[in-house]
Structure formats: structure tokens, C-alpha cells
Protein backbone atom coordinates (compact mmCIF):
# COMPACT_ATOMS: atom_id res chain seq x y z
CA MET A 1 114.29 101.69 65.47
CA THR A 2 117.20 104.12 65.74
CA ASN A 3 120.25 103.95 68.19
CA ILE A 4 121.45 106.90 70.05
CA ASP A 5 124.86 107.08 67.61
CA SER A 6 122.46 108.13 64.74
CA ILE A 7 120.30 110.92 67.04
CA ARG A 8 123.72 112.41 68.32
CA ARG A 9 124.94 112.74 64.37
CA LYS A 10 121.54 114.39 63.88
CA LEU A 11 121.42 116.40 66.99
CA GLN A 12 125.28 117.65 65.94
CA LYS A 13 123.89 118.41 62.39
CA ALA A 14 120.97 120.81 63.43
CA TYR A 15 123.34 122.30 65.42
CA GLN A 16 125.12 123.14 62.78
CA LYS A 17 122.88 124.54 60.96
CA LEU A 18 120.70 126.48 63.78
CA HIS A 19 123.93 127.23 66.36
CA ASN A 20 121.35 127.25 69.08
CA TRP A 21 120.58 124.32 71.59
CA ARG A 22 116.88 125.71 72.14
CA GLY A 23 116.00 125.64 68.25
CA VAL A 24 117.68 122.32 68.01
CA GLY A 25 115.71 120.79 70.99
CA ASP A 26 112.37 122.35 69.51
CA GLU A 27 113.16 120.45 66.15
CA PHE A 28 113.51 116.98 67.96
CA HIS A 29 110.57 117.66 70.99
CA VAL A 30 113.10 117.72 73.65
CA THR A 31 114.45 120.92 75.72
CA GLY A 32 117.60 122.77 74.59
CA GLY A 33 119.75 121.31 77.38
CA MET A 34 118.75 117.74 76.49
CA ALA A 35 119.58 118.30 72.83
CA PHE A 36 123.12 119.40 74.45
CA ARG A 37 123.41 116.33 76.88
CA ILE A 38 122.58 113.60 74.15
CA ALA A 39 124.82 115.53 71.33
CA VAL A 40 127.89 116.62 73.27
CA GLN A 41 127.82 114.69 76.39
CA ASN A 42 126.94 111.46 75.20
CA TYR A 43 123.79 111.00 77.55
CA GLU A 44 121.58 108.47 76.90
CA PRO A 45 117.99 109.35 78.02
CA LYS A 46 116.57 106.83 80.90
CA SER A 47 113.17 108.34 80.65
CA SER A 48 110.89 106.01 78.74
CA HIS A 49 109.02 109.37 77.38
CA ILE A 50 111.78 111.19 75.96
CA ARG A 51 113.75 107.63 74.41
CA HIS A 52 110.05 107.36 72.63
CA ILE A 53 110.38 111.00 71.41
CA LEU A 54 113.54 110.29 69.96
CA GLY A 55 112.54 106.83 68.09
CA LEU A 56 114.67 104.76 70.95
CA PRO A 57 113.41 101.64 72.43
CA ALA A 58 111.47 102.68 75.51
CA LEU A 59 113.81 99.87 77.77
CA ILE A 60 117.19 100.06 77.81
CA PRO A 61 119.07 96.24 77.72
CA ALA A 62 120.22 95.24 81.27
CA PRO A 63 123.71 93.82 81.37
CA ALA A 64 123.77 90.45 82.70
CA CYS A 65 125.97 89.62 86.61
CA ALA A 66 129.34 89.19 85.42
CA LYS A 67 129.24 86.14 88.66
CA CYS A 68 126.54 84.13 87.26
CA GLY A 69 125.49 85.25 84.42
CA ASN A 70 121.76 86.50 85.04
CA VAL A 71 119.76 89.76 85.09
CA HIS A 72 119.34 90.56 88.51
CA VAL A 73 117.03 93.68 89.45
CA THR A 74 119.13 94.31 92.66
CA LYS A 75 122.77 95.76 92.36
CA ARG A 76 124.09 92.59 94.29
CA CYS A 77 124.07 89.10 93.00
CA PRO A 78 121.84 87.39 95.40
CA ASN A 79 122.82 83.35 94.34
CA GLY A 80 126.83 84.19 94.87
CA GLN A 81 127.49 85.14 98.25
CA LYS A 82 130.42 86.62 98.97
CA PRO A 83 132.30 84.98 102.02
CA PRO A 84 133.14 87.18 104.87
CA ASN A 85 137.02 88.41 104.99
CA ASN A 86 136.80 90.35 108.32
CA TRP A 87 138.71 88.35 111.16
CA ARG A 88 135.48 87.89 112.86
CA ASP A 89 133.98 85.07 110.79
CA GLY A 90 134.61 82.32 112.99
CA GLU A 91 137.69 79.65 113.08
CA ALA A 92 138.48 80.82 109.16
CA TRP A 93 140.38 83.78 110.52
CA TRP A 94 142.84 81.04 112.24
CA GLN A 95 143.59 79.18 109.20
CA ARG A 96 144.22 82.12 107.22
CA LEU A 97 146.90 83.97 110.19
CA MET A 98 148.37 79.86 110.21
CA ASP A 99 148.64 79.96 106.13
CA TRP A 100 150.33 83.77 106.39
CA PHE A 101 152.59 82.37 109.07
CA ASN A 102 153.83 79.80 106.70
CA GLY A 103 154.02 81.92 103.66
CA GLY A 104 150.81 81.03 101.86
């Protein structure tokens, strides 16, 4: 398997030879715009079809959650519910107010 950095270098080298992004895209079986985005704008293709054409792994490894260390499908961590931080959270607002008055 190749990585995105080696693909990027190959695209840049092909552009130095051809001076045409459409020709570079034809050589790598992608569009000229996609070749430009990968080589110049450090874009990593999300589509599994394009990744397969370029010889990249079809799936991108998902980052682990900073709170619990697991990988989630959702953007928010379902394990660590954030405590409410507005004044309407029951009796806790009174305790925070008293702590604030006492300098804590």
C-alpha cells in the first residue's frame, strides 16, 4: 500500500514533466482538478473509489475520542455527558453563585 505523501510527490513530479493538470489526472486516472487538489492543496480523497484508483486504503482510520479513548460514529461522545453549564440546572446555580461571592 502507498500513502498519500508518496502519491502527492508522484503527482508533483508528473506535473513538472507535463505542465498540465489535466494530463496528470489522465495519467493517474483521476480528474485534473483532483490531481491539483491532492498535489497542491494537501487534499486527501474521501471517496473509496478514488482512494482505490490511487492505491490508497479504502477506509481512513478514525481518530479515537479524547474523552474516553473509543471510536464513535457520532461527533459527540455518548459516554461522557457534559454537565449543564447554564443557570437553569436546578440547585447547582445557587452553589456556583455562593462560590463566586466567596472568591472561589
